[in-house]
C-alpha cells in the first residue's frame, strides 16, 4: 500500500521481540511484529529501512518464529544483497533532484550554502563551507525545496477542491509518502523532492482529497483524478522507483 491515513489514536506498543540471524558479514536482528489478524509467519526485507521484519500471529512462540527465520536465512541474504547501494551526501556523488541527476560538488571557498549550477556534463548541486557540514547543509536544502514545492501544490489542489488544510510537516518515513490527519494537517516525506515533479504533485493531490473523503473509496479516487489525471502514472512510478529514493543520504 502506497499511502496510509493517519490514525486518530495509536494502540499501546507491545514488548519488542527480536530474532538474531547469522549472516556472512555478522549477526542481523530481525524484528518480530505481532499482528492479531496474521494467520501465518511472513518475512519482509524493507528496502527503505534496509531491515528485516517478521510478522507473526500472537499465538506463535518465539522459538517457532526463530526456527522459521533460520530456515529462510538464504532468502534473507539474497534480498539484502540485492538492495541498492546507499549513496551518502558527499562530494562527487550523484543525486536526483526533481527527477534529474545532479552531481554534488563541494566548494569550500565559496560563499553561500547550497545552489544549483549547470556544469559541462550536466546540472550540479554546489555546497559551500567545511566538508563535515556538507551532508547537513545539503539535507536542509533538499527539505526547503520540498517544502516550497509541496506548499505550492497543496494550495493549488486545495483551491481546486474548495477545501482548507492545516500544517504541512516534512518527515523521513519509510512506510508512507504522505498522510492527512482528521484536523487537516498534512505530512509528507521530504524525499519526494528527489522524484519527478508530477510524483510530488500527485502526493499533494492525494492528501488534499482526504479533506473531503477520509478513505480510499470510489468517490475519493474520483476527486483525486479530477485534480490529477495522471494518478496511475504516478503510482506506477512510486511502485517501481519509490524505494530507491531512500538510498540517498544514508
Foldseek 3Di string as FASTA:
>chain_A
DAADADDPDDDDDDDWDWAWDADPVGIATETEAEDQPDDAWDWDQFLLVRHIYIYHHPVDDPVNNNVVCRVCNVVVVVVSVPRDAFAAQAQQTWAAFLQRIAGEHEDAVDDDAWDWDADPVGIYIYGYHDRVCRLVSVVVVLLVVLVVLLVVLLVVLCVVVVHDADAEAEDQDRRYQKYAYQRRYIYGHSLCRRHNSLLSSLRSLLHSLCPPPVDPDPVSVVSSCVVRVCNVVSVVCCVVCVSVSSSYND
